[in-house]
Amino acid sequence: MYAIVEIAGQQFKAEAGKKLYVHRLEGNEGDSVSFDKVLLTDDNGTVQVGAPTVTGVTVSAKILTHLKDDKVTIFKKKRRKTYKKTQGHRQSLTQISIESIG
């Protein structure tokens, strides 16, 4: 069984026992969180599509750790104008483990 769930503005395919990296969530490591914006569920071929969400279905997960993603370097340059600008960014992420769907 799997579900398409919206977590922090993005859609993820959630299966029991799967680990996901999502945008930073509120809560401490070891806390349990639940998501009720389930857009689709599939139970061995039986598909339920929500309009816009499937009612009565929640996805429960456990926060494993908070971390930062790899650095992304932004470099801007205009030739012959002596303009160069370098900037970096590291996205804050949360690793969660899907416990159950239902």
PDB file of N, CA and C in Angstrom:
ATOM      1  N   MET A   1       0.846  -1.184   0.000  1.00  0.00           N
ATOM      2  CA  MET A   1       0.000   0.000   0.000  1.00  0.00           C
ATOM      3  C   MET A   1       0.882   1.234   0.000  1.00  0.00           C
ATOM      4  N   TYR A   2       0.483   2.211  -0.797  1.00  0.00           N
ATOM      5  CA  TYR A   2       1.187   3.479  -0.791  1.00  0.00           C
ATOM      6  C   TYR A   2       0.188   4.616  -0.910  1.00  0.00           C
ATOM      7  N   ALA A   3       0.664   5.831  -0.616  1.00  0.00           N
ATOM      8  CA  ALA A   3      -0.184   7.013  -0.684  1.00  0.00           C
ATOM      9  C   ALA A   3       0.642   8.180  -1.198  1.00  0.00           C
ATOM     10  N   ILE A   4       0.001   9.044  -1.951  1.00  0.00           N
ATOM     11  CA  ILE A   4       0.608  10.308  -2.357  1.00  0.00           C
ATOM     12  C   ILE A   4       0.130  11.347  -1.353  1.00  0.00           C
ATOM     13  N   VAL A   5       1.074  11.937  -0.637  1.00  0.00           N
ATOM     14  CA  VAL A   5       0.733  12.840   0.470  1.00  0.00           C
ATOM     15  C   VAL A   5       1.465  14.163   0.274  1.00  0.00           C
ATOM     16  N   GLU A   6       0.821  15.246   0.688  1.00  0.00           N
ATOM     17  CA  GLU A   6       1.434  16.566   0.601  1.00  0.00           C
ATOM     18  C   GLU A   6       2.059  16.906   1.953  1.00  0.00           C
ATOM     19  N   ILE A   7       3.372  17.108   1.935  1.00  0.00           N
ATOM     20  CA  ILE A   7       4.125  17.426   3.147  1.00  0.00           C
ATOM     21  C   ILE A   7       4.904  18.709   2.892  1.00  0.00           C
ATOM     22  N   ALA A   8       4.622  19.739   3.660  1.00  0.00           N
ATOM     23  CA  ALA A   8       5.323  21.024   3.580  1.00  0.00           C
ATOM     24  C   ALA A   8       5.307  21.591   2.166  1.00  0.00           C
ATOM     25  N   GLY A   9       4.150  21.471   1.494  1.00  0.00           N
ATOM     26  CA  GLY A   9       3.996  22.074   0.182  1.00  0.00           C
ATOM     27  C   GLY A   9       4.478  21.233  -0.987  1.00  0.00           C
ATOM     28  N   GLN A  10       5.016  20.051  -0.743  1.00  0.00           N
ATOM     29  CA  GLN A  10       5.486  19.173  -1.802  1.00  0.00           C
ATOM     30  C   GLN A  10       4.793  17.828  -1.699  1.00  0.00           C
ATOM     31  N   GLN A  11       4.691  17.135  -2.834  1.00  0.00           N
ATOM     32  CA  GLN A  11       4.034  15.841  -2.862  1.00  0.00           C
ATOM     33  C   GLN A  11       5.069  14.720  -2.833  1.00  0.00           C
ATOM     34  N   PHE A  12       4.800  13.698  -2.008  1.00  0.00           N
ATOM     35  CA  PHE A  12       5.708  12.573  -1.858  1.00  0.00           C
ATOM     36  C   PHE A  12       4.927  11.273  -1.934  1.00  0.00           C
ATOM     37  N   LYS A  13       5.590  10.220  -2.399  1.00  0.00           N
ATOM     38  CA  LYS A  13       5.013   8.884  -2.385  1.00  0.00           C
ATOM     39  C   LYS A  13       5.443   8.240  -1.073  1.00  0.00           C
ATOM     40  N   ALA A  14       4.464   7.929  -0.226  1.00  0.00           N
ATOM     41  CA  ALA A  14       4.740   7.402   1.106  1.00  0.00           C
ATOM     42  C   ALA A  14       4.352   5.930   1.162  1.00  0.00           C
ATOM     43  N   GLU A  15       5.305   5.110   1.614  1.00  0.00           N
ATOM     44  CA  GLU A  15       5.060   3.697   1.861  1.00  0.00           C
ATOM     45  C   GLU A  15       5.531   3.391   3.273  1.00  0.00           C
ATOM     46  N   ALA A  16       4.916   2.414   3.910  1.00  0.00           N
ATOM     47  CA  ALA A  16       5.296   2.061   5.275  1.00  0.00           C
ATOM     48  C   ALA A  16       6.748   1.592   5.304  1.00  0.00           C
ATOM     49  N   GLY A  17       7.526   2.150   6.221  1.00  0.00           N
ATOM     50  CA  GLY A  17       8.927   1.786   6.361  1.00  0.00           C
ATOM     51  C   GLY A  17       9.881   2.596   5.501  1.00  0.00           C
ATOM     52  N   LYS A  18       9.377   3.471   4.656  1.00  0.00           N
ATOM     53  CA  LYS A  18      10.215   4.263   3.765  1.00  0.00           C
ATOM     54  C   LYS A  18      10.698   5.527   4.475  1.00  0.00           C
ATOM     55  N   LYS A  19      11.914   5.960   4.166  1.00  0.00           N
ATOM     56  CA  LYS A  19      12.465   7.180   4.731  1.00  0.00           C
ATOM     57  C   LYS A  19      12.436   8.277   3.672  1.00  0.00           C
ATOM     58  N   LEU A  20      12.058   9.487   4.088  1.00  0.00           N
ATOM     59  CA  LEU A  20      11.942  10.618   3.175  1.00  0.00           C
ATOM     60  C   LEU A  20      12.693  11.820   3.734  1.00  0.00           C
ATOM     61  N   TYR A  21      13.218  12.637   2.827  1.00  0.00           N
ATOM     62  CA  TYR A  21      13.787  13.924   3.189  1.00  0.00           C
ATOM     63  C   TYR A  21      12.800  15.000   2.747  1.00  0.00           C
ATOM     64  N   VAL A  22      12.293  15.779   3.695  1.00  0.00           N
ATOM     65  CA  VAL A  22      11.312  16.826   3.410  1.00  0.00           C
ATOM     66  C   VAL A  22      11.847  18.145   3.951  1.00  0.00           C
ATOM     67  N   HIS A  23      11.178  19.250   3.563  1.00  0.00           N
ATOM     68  CA  HIS A  23      11.559  20.538   4.112  1.00  0.00           C
ATOM     69  C   HIS A  23      11.409  20.515   5.628  1.00  0.00           C
ATOM     70  N   ARG A  24      12.139  21.383   6.320  1.00  0.00           N
ATOM     71  CA  ARG A  24      12.202  21.389   7.777  1.00  0.00           C
ATOM     72  C   ARG A  24      10.807  21.422   8.392  1.00  0.00           C
ATOM     73  N   LEU A  25      10.547  20.484   9.297  1.00  0.00           N
ATOM     74  CA  LEU A  25       9.277  20.387  10.001  1.00  0.00           C
ATOM     75  C   LEU A  25       9.444  20.831  11.446  1.00  0.00           C
ATOM     76  N   GLU A  26       8.354  21.290  12.042  1.00  0.00           N
ATOM     77  CA  GLU A  26       8.353  21.635  13.454  1.00  0.00           C
ATOM     78  C   GLU A  26       8.374  20.349  14.267  1.00  0.00           C
ATOM     79  N   GLY A  27       9.095  20.348  15.359  1.00  0.00           N
ATOM     80  CA  GLY A  27       9.144  19.177  16.227  1.00  0.00           C
ATOM     81  C   GLY A  27      10.574  18.750  16.482  1.00  0.00           C
ATOM     82  N   ASN A  28      10.735  17.925  17.502  1.00  0.00           N
ATOM     83  CA  ASN A  28      12.050  17.430  17.888  1.00  0.00           C
ATOM     84  C   ASN A  28      12.267  16.036  17.329  1.00  0.00           C
ATOM     85  N   GLU A  29      13.516  15.587  17.393  1.00  0.00           N
ATOM     86  CA  GLU A  29      13.842  14.242  16.934  1.00  0.00           C
ATOM     87  C   GLU A  29      13.137  13.223  17.824  1.00  0.00           C
ATOM     88  N   GLY A  30      12.515  12.237  17.200  1.00  0.00           N
ATOM     89  CA  GLY A  30      11.787  11.225  17.929  1.00  0.00           C
ATOM     90  C   GLY A  30      10.297  11.503  18.046  1.00  0.00           C
ATOM     91  N   ASP A  31       9.851  12.722  17.711  1.00  0.00           N
ATOM     92  CA  ASP A  31       8.429  13.052  17.774  1.00  0.00           C
ATOM     93  C   ASP A  31       7.674  12.380  16.631  1.00  0.00           C
ATOM     94  N   SER A  32       6.404  12.117  16.870  1.00  0.00           N
ATOM     95  CA  SER A  32       5.534  11.572  15.829  1.00  0.00           C
ATOM     96  C   SER A  32       4.717  12.700  15.217  1.00  0.00           C
ATOM     97  N   VAL A  33       4.573  12.658  13.903  1.00  0.00           N
ATOM     98  CA  VAL A  33       3.774  13.643  13.185  1.00  0.00           C
ATOM     99  C   VAL A  33       2.794  12.894  12.287  1.00  0.00           C
ATOM    100  N   SER A  34       1.676  13.536  11.981  1.00  0.00           N
ATOM    101  CA  SER A  34       0.710  12.922  11.078  1.00  0.00           C
ATOM    102  C   SER A  34       0.329  13.930  10.007  1.00  0.00           C
ATOM    103  N   PHE A  35       0.077  13.417   8.814  1.00  0.00           N
ATOM    104  CA  PHE A  35      -0.270  14.244   7.667  1.00  0.00           C
ATOM    105  C   PHE A  35      -1.640  13.797   7.165  1.00  0.00           C
ATOM    106  N   ASP A  36      -2.557  14.759   7.020  1.00  0.00           N
ATOM    107  CA  ASP A  36      -3.903  14.411   6.600  1.00  0.00           C
ATOM    108  C   ASP A  36      -4.220  14.843   5.169  1.00  0.00           C
ATOM    109  N   LYS A  37      -3.296  15.496   4.496  1.00  0.00           N
ATOM    110  CA  LYS A  37      -3.513  15.887   3.101  1.00  0.00           C
ATOM    111  C   LYS A  37      -3.085  14.745   2.182  1.00  0.00           C
ATOM    112  N   VAL A  38      -3.863  13.684   2.168  1.00  0.00           N
ATOM    113  CA  VAL A  38      -3.587  12.521   1.333  1.00  0.00           C
ATOM    114  C   VAL A  38      -4.342  12.715   0.024  1.00  0.00           C
ATOM    115  N   LEU A  39      -3.617  12.730  -1.087  1.00  0.00           N
ATOM    116  CA  LEU A  39      -4.211  13.003  -2.389  1.00  0.00           C
ATOM    117  C   LEU A  39      -4.647  11.735  -3.109  1.00  0.00           C
ATOM    118  N   LEU A  40      -3.977  10.605  -2.844  1.00  0.00           N
ATOM    119  CA  LEU A  40      -4.272   9.358  -3.530  1.00  0.00           C
ATOM    120  C   LEU A  40      -3.812   8.201  -2.675  1.00  0.00           C
ATOM    121  N   THR A  41      -4.549   7.110  -2.689  1.00  0.00           N
ATOM    122  CA  THR A  41      -4.119   5.884  -2.017  1.00  0.00           C
ATOM    123  C   THR A  41      -4.261   4.717  -2.982  1.00  0.00           C
ATOM    124  N   ASP A  42      -3.376   3.745  -2.849  1.00  0.00           N
ATOM    125  CA  ASP A  42      -3.423   2.539  -3.667  1.00  0.00           C
ATOM    126  C   ASP A  42      -3.207   1.353  -2.739  1.00  0.00           C
ATOM    127  N   ASP A  43      -4.211   0.484  -2.659  1.00  0.00           N
ATOM    128  CA  ASP A  43      -4.139  -0.700  -1.818  1.00  0.00           C
ATOM    129  C   ASP A  43      -4.291  -1.931  -2.707  1.00  0.00           C
ATOM    130  N   ASN A  44      -3.161  -2.426  -3.234  1.00  0.00           N
ATOM    131  CA  ASN A  44      -3.121  -3.604  -4.108  1.00  0.00           C
ATOM    132  C   ASN A  44      -4.079  -3.482  -5.293  1.00  0.00           C
ATOM    133  N   GLY A  45      -4.015  -2.341  -5.982  1.00  0.00           N
ATOM    134  CA  GLY A  45      -4.838  -2.140  -7.167  1.00  0.00           C
ATOM    135  C   GLY A  45      -6.120  -1.374  -6.932  1.00  0.00           C
ATOM    136  N   THR A  46      -6.543  -1.219  -5.688  1.00  0.00           N
ATOM    137  CA  THR A  46      -7.732  -0.437  -5.370  1.00  0.00           C
ATOM    138  C   THR A  46      -7.291   1.006  -5.140  1.00  0.00           C
ATOM    139  N   VAL A  47      -7.584   1.863  -6.109  1.00  0.00           N
ATOM    140  CA  VAL A  47      -7.106   3.245  -6.081  1.00  0.00           C
ATOM    141  C   VAL A  47      -8.234   4.166  -5.640  1.00  0.00           C
ATOM    142  N   GLN A  48      -7.924   5.046  -4.690  1.00  0.00           N
ATOM    143  CA  GLN A  48      -8.842   6.099  -4.267  1.00  0.00           C
ATOM    144  C   GLN A  48      -8.189   7.430  -4.581  1.00  0.00           C
ATOM    145  N   VAL A  49      -8.880   8.245  -5.368  1.00  0.00           N
ATOM    146  CA  VAL A  49      -8.378   9.570  -5.717  1.00  0.00           C
ATOM    147  C   VAL A  49      -9.233  10.589  -4.995  1.00  0.00           C
ATOM    148  N   GLY A  50      -8.585  11.526  -4.315  1.00  0.00           N
ATOM    149  CA  GLY A  50      -9.309  12.529  -3.557  1.00  0.00           C
ATOM    150  C   GLY A  50      -9.735  13.694  -4.417  1.00  0.00           C
ATOM    151  N   ALA A  51     -10.729  14.424  -3.928  1.00  0.00           N
ATOM    152  CA  ALA A  51     -11.189  15.621  -4.615  1.00  0.00           C
ATOM    153  C   ALA A  51     -11.360  16.739  -3.608  1.00  0.00           C
ATOM    154  N   PRO A  52     -10.382  17.441  -3.141  1.00  0.00           N
ATOM    155  CA  PRO A  52      -8.958  17.336  -3.456  1.00  0.00           C
ATOM    156  C   PRO A  52      -8.203  16.331  -2.589  1.00  0.00           C
ATOM    157  N   THR A  53      -8.769  15.925  -1.430  1.00  0.00           N
ATOM    158  CA  THR A  53      -8.064  14.960  -0.586  1.00  0.00           C
ATOM    159  C   THR A  53      -8.965  13.771  -0.292  1.00  0.00           C
ATOM    160  N   VAL A  54      -8.337  12.666   0.089  1.00  0.00           N
ATOM    161  CA  VAL A  54      -9.073  11.477   0.494  1.00  0.00           C
ATOM    162  C   VAL A  54      -9.445  11.648   1.965  1.00  0.00           C
ATOM    163  N   THR A  55     -10.728  11.507   2.271  1.00  0.00           N
ATOM    164  CA  THR A  55     -11.176  11.722   3.652  1.00  0.00           C
ATOM    165  C   THR A  55     -10.966  10.461   4.477  1.00  0.00           C
ATOM    166  N   GLY A  56     -10.613  10.658   5.732  1.00  0.00           N
ATOM    167  CA  GLY A  56     -10.474   9.546   6.665  1.00  0.00           C
ATOM    168  C   GLY A  56      -9.152   8.816   6.603  1.00  0.00           C
ATOM    169  N   VAL A  57      -8.203   9.278   5.793  1.00  0.00           N
ATOM    170  CA  VAL A  57      -6.907   8.611   5.676  1.00  0.00           C
ATOM    171  C   VAL A  57      -5.823   9.568   6.156  1.00  0.00           C
ATOM    172  N   THR A  58      -4.964   9.094   7.051  1.00  0.00           N
ATOM    173  CA  THR A  58      -3.827   9.888   7.517  1.00  0.00           C
ATOM    174  C   THR A  58      -2.563   9.058   7.391  1.00  0.00           C
ATOM    175  N   VAL A  59      -1.453   9.752   7.262  1.00  0.00           N
ATOM    176  CA  VAL A  59      -0.139   9.117   7.207  1.00  0.00           C
ATOM    177  C   VAL A  59       0.608   9.538   8.456  1.00  0.00           C
ATOM    178  N   SER A  60       1.054   8.568   9.243  1.00  0.00           N
ATOM    179  CA  SER A  60       1.803   8.884  10.454  1.00  0.00           C
ATOM    180  C   SER A  60       3.280   8.588  10.217  1.00  0.00           C
ATOM    181  N   ALA A  61       4.114   9.475  10.745  1.00  0.00           N
ATOM    182  CA  ALA A  61       5.558   9.362  10.543  1.00  0.00           C
ATOM    183  C   ALA A  61       6.283   9.750  11.826  1.00  0.00           C
ATOM    184  N   LYS A  62       7.565   9.436  11.862  1.00  0.00           N
ATOM    185  CA  LYS A  62       8.410   9.756  13.007  1.00  0.00           C
ATOM    186  C   LYS A  62       9.591  10.573  12.506  1.00  0.00           C
ATOM    187  N   ILE A  63       9.908  11.657  13.217  1.00  0.00           N
ATOM    188  CA  ILE A  63      11.038  12.503  12.842  1.00  0.00           C
ATOM    189  C   ILE A  63      12.321  11.820  13.299  1.00  0.00           C
ATOM    190  N   LEU A  64      13.219  11.557  12.342  1.00  0.00           N
ATOM    191  CA  LEU A  64      14.478  10.904  12.672  1.00  0.00           C
ATOM    192  C   LEU A  64      15.570  11.914  12.999  1.00  0.00           C
ATOM    193  N   THR A  65      15.763  12.897  12.128  1.00  0.00           N
ATOM    194  CA  THR A  65      16.816  13.884  12.361  1.00  0.00           C
ATOM    195  C   THR A  65      16.561  15.139  11.536  1.00  0.00           C
ATOM    196  N   HIS A  66      17.153  16.251  11.990  1.00  0.00           N
ATOM    197  CA  HIS A  66      17.166  17.502  11.245  1.00  0.00           C
ATOM    198  C   HIS A  66      18.572  17.675  10.688  1.00  0.00           C
ATOM    199  N   LEU A  67      18.683  18.067   9.428  1.00  0.00           N
ATOM    200  CA  LEU A  67      19.993  18.220   8.808  1.00  0.00           C
ATOM    201  C   LEU A  67      19.929  19.267   7.720  1.00  0.00           C
ATOM    202  N   LYS A  68      21.077  19.527   7.079  1.00  0.00           N
ATOM    203  CA  LYS A  68      21.153  20.459   5.964  1.00  0.00           C
ATOM    204  C   LYS A  68      21.591  19.713   4.712  1.00  0.00           C
ATOM    205  N   ASP A  69      21.057  20.144   3.576  1.00  0.00           N
ATOM    206  CA  ASP A  69      21.379  19.539   2.288  1.00  0.00           C
ATOM    207  C   ASP A  69      22.755  20.019   1.815  1.00  0.00           C
ATOM    208  N   ASP A  70      23.236  19.466   0.722  1.00  0.00           N
ATOM    209  CA  ASP A  70      24.506  19.885   0.145  1.00  0.00           C
ATOM    210  C   ASP A  70      24.431  21.343  -0.304  1.00  0.00           C
ATOM    211  N   LYS A  71      25.581  21.988  -0.369  1.00  0.00           N
ATOM    212  CA  LYS A  71      25.635  23.392  -0.724  1.00  0.00           C
ATOM    213  C   LYS A  71      25.431  23.579  -2.222  1.00  0.00           C
ATOM    214  N   VAL A  72      24.615  24.569  -2.553  1.00  0.00           N
ATOM    215  CA  VAL A  72      24.388  24.953  -3.942  1.00  0.00           C
ATOM    216  C   VAL A  72      25.035  26.308  -4.121  1.00  0.00           C
ATOM    217  N   THR A  73      25.919  26.428  -5.121  1.00  0.00           N
ATOM    218  CA  THR A  73      26.632  27.664  -5.380  1.00  0.00           C
ATOM    219  C   THR A  73      25.980  28.410  -6.540  1.00  0.00           C
ATOM    220  N   ILE A  74      25.670  29.681  -6.308  1.00  0.00           N
ATOM    221  CA  ILE A  74      25.102  30.541  -7.335  1.00  0.00           C
ATOM    222  C   ILE A  74      26.181  31.529  -7.740  1.00  0.00           C
ATOM    223  N   PHE A  75      26.495  31.585  -9.039  1.00  0.00           N
ATOM    224  CA  PHE A  75      27.542  32.482  -9.528  1.00  0.00           C
ATOM    225  C   PHE A  75      26.978  33.309 -10.669  1.00  0.00           C
ATOM    226  N   LYS A  76      27.076  34.631 -10.524  1.00  0.00           N
ATOM    227  CA  LYS A  76      26.603  35.543 -11.567  1.00  0.00           C
ATOM    228  C   LYS A  76      27.778  36.359 -12.069  1.00  0.00           C
ATOM    229  N   LYS A  77      27.804  36.593 -13.376  1.00  0.00           N
ATOM    230  CA  LYS A  77      28.908  37.350 -13.969  1.00  0.00           C
ATOM    231  C   LYS A  77      28.420  38.050 -15.216  1.00  0.00           C
ATOM    232  N   LYS A  78      28.894  39.293 -15.396  1.00  0.00           N
ATOM    233  CA  LYS A  78      28.671  40.024 -16.641  1.00  0.00           C
ATOM    234  C   LYS A  78      30.046  40.361 -17.199  1.00  0.00           C
ATOM    235  N   ARG A  79      30.326  39.853 -18.365  1.00  0.00           N
ATOM    236  CA  ARG A  79      31.667  40.022 -18.907  1.00  0.00           C
ATOM    237  C   ARG A  79      31.939  41.481 -19.277  1.00  0.00           C
ATOM    238  N   ARG A  80      33.180  41.834 -19.102  1.00  0.00           N
ATOM    239  CA  ARG A  80      33.711  43.173 -19.398  1.00  0.00           C
ATOM    240  C   ARG A  80      33.063  44.274 -18.563  1.00  0.00           C
ATOM    241  N   LYS A  81      32.361  43.943 -17.511  1.00  0.00           N
ATOM    242  CA  LYS A  81      31.733  44.949 -16.650  1.00  0.00           C
ATOM    243  C   LYS A  81      32.272  44.885 -15.223  1.00  0.00           C
ATOM    244  N   THR A  82      33.243  44.039 -14.980  1.00  0.00           N
ATOM    245  CA  THR A  82      33.828  43.780 -13.656  1.00  0.00           C
ATOM    246  C   THR A  82      32.747  43.485 -12.613  1.00  0.00           C
ATOM    247  N   TYR A  83      31.749  42.711 -13.007  1.00  0.00           N
ATOM    248  CA  TYR A  83      30.679  42.318 -12.100  1.00  0.00           C
ATOM    249  C   TYR A  83      30.731  40.812 -11.896  1.00  0.00           C
ATOM    250  N   LYS A  84      31.009  40.419 -10.655  1.00  0.00           N
ATOM    251  CA  LYS A  84      30.969  39.009 -10.278  1.00  0.00           C
ATOM    252  C   LYS A  84      30.306  38.921  -8.915  1.00  0.00           C
ATOM    253  N   LYS A  85      29.442  37.924  -8.733  1.00  0.00           N
ATOM    254  CA  LYS A  85      28.772  37.745  -7.459  1.00  0.00           C
ATOM    255  C   LYS A  85      28.641  36.252  -7.202  1.00  0.00           C
ATOM    256  N   THR A  86      29.098  35.815  -6.039  1.00  0.00           N
ATOM    257  CA  THR A  86      28.994  34.416  -5.648  1.00  0.00           C
ATOM    258  C   THR A  86      28.130  34.328  -4.397  1.00  0.00           C
ATOM    259  N   GLN A  87      27.220  33.359  -4.420  1.00  0.00           N
ATOM    260  CA  GLN A  87      26.336  33.180  -3.287  1.00  0.00           C
ATOM    261  C   GLN A  87      26.113  31.684  -3.095  1.00  0.00           C
ATOM    262  N   GLY A  88      25.919  31.262  -1.858  1.00  0.00           N
ATOM    263  CA  GLY A  88      25.679  29.854  -1.569  1.00  0.00           C
ATOM    264  C   GLY A  88      24.413  29.673  -0.763  1.00  0.00           C
ATOM    265  N   HIS A  89      23.888  28.437  -0.805  1.00  0.00           N
ATOM    266  CA  HIS A  89      22.660  28.141  -0.070  1.00  0.00           C
ATOM    267  C   HIS A  89      22.670  26.681   0.341  1.00  0.00           C
ATOM    268  N   ARG A  90      22.239  26.411   1.586  1.00  0.00           N
ATOM    269  CA  ARG A  90      22.043  25.043   2.078  1.00  0.00           C
ATOM    270  C   ARG A  90      20.633  24.940   2.618  1.00  0.00           C
ATOM    271  N   GLN A  91      19.836  24.060   2.021  1.00  0.00           N
ATOM    272  CA  GLN A  91      18.443  23.896   2.423  1.00  0.00           C
ATOM    273  C   GLN A  91      18.352  23.090   3.720  1.00  0.00           C
ATOM    274  N   SER A  92      17.503  23.529   4.634  1.00  0.00           N
ATOM    275  CA  SER A  92      17.266  22.806   5.876  1.00  0.00           C
ATOM    276  C   SER A  92      16.250  21.695   5.616  1.00  0.00           C
ATOM    277  N   LEU A  93      16.597  20.476   5.993  1.00  0.00           N
ATOM    278  CA  LEU A  93      15.758  19.316   5.738  1.00  0.00           C
ATOM    279  C   LEU A  93      15.448  18.565   7.029  1.00  0.00           C
ATOM    280  N   THR A  94      14.436  17.722   6.956  1.00  0.00           N
ATOM    281  CA  THR A  94      14.087  16.815   8.032  1.00  0.00           C
ATOM    282  C   THR A  94      13.946  15.428   7.439  1.00  0.00           C
ATOM    283  N   GLN A  95      14.585  14.445   8.069  1.00  0.00           N
ATOM    284  CA  GLN A  95      14.439  13.060   7.630  1.00  0.00           C
ATOM    285  C   GLN A  95      13.347  12.413   8.472  1.00  0.00           C
ATOM    286  N   ILE A  96      12.335  11.862   7.769  1.00  0.00           N
ATOM    287  CA  ILE A  96      11.241  11.212   8.467  1.00  0.00           C
ATOM    288  C   ILE A  96      11.133   9.763   8.014  1.00  0.00           C
ATOM    289  N   SER A  97      10.559   8.938   8.866  1.00  0.00           N
ATOM    290  CA  SER A  97      10.305   7.537   8.551  1.00  0.00           C
ATOM    291  C   SER A  97       8.799   7.312   8.615  1.00  0.00           C
ATOM    292  N   ILE A  98       8.225   6.815   7.523  1.00  0.00           N
ATOM    293  CA  ILE A  98       6.789   6.569   7.467  1.00  0.00           C
ATOM    294  C   ILE A  98       6.472   5.325   8.287  1.00  0.00           C
ATOM    295  N   GLU A  99       5.574   5.474   9.266  1.00  0.00           N
ATOM    296  CA  GLU A  99       5.215   4.350  10.126  1.00  0.00           C
ATOM    297  C   GLU A  99       3.986   3.600   9.623  1.00  0.00           C
ATOM    298  N   SER A 100       2.924   4.345   9.304  1.00  0.00           N
ATOM    299  CA  SER A 100       1.708   3.654   8.861  1.00  0.00           C
ATOM    300  C   SER A 100       0.856   4.572   7.999  1.00  0.00           C
ATOM    301  N   ILE A 101       0.020   3.941   7.182  1.00  0.00           N
ATOM    302  CA  ILE A 101      -0.941   4.648   6.342  1.00  0.00           C
ATOM    303  C   ILE A 101      -2.321   4.089   6.677  1.00  0.00           C
ATOM    304  N   GLY A 102      -3.234   4.956   7.038  1.00  0.00           N
ATOM    305  CA  GLY A 102      -4.561   4.449   7.354  1.00  0.00           C
ATOM    306  C   GLY A 102      -5.332   5.351   8.249  1.00  0.00           C
TER     307      GLY A 102
END
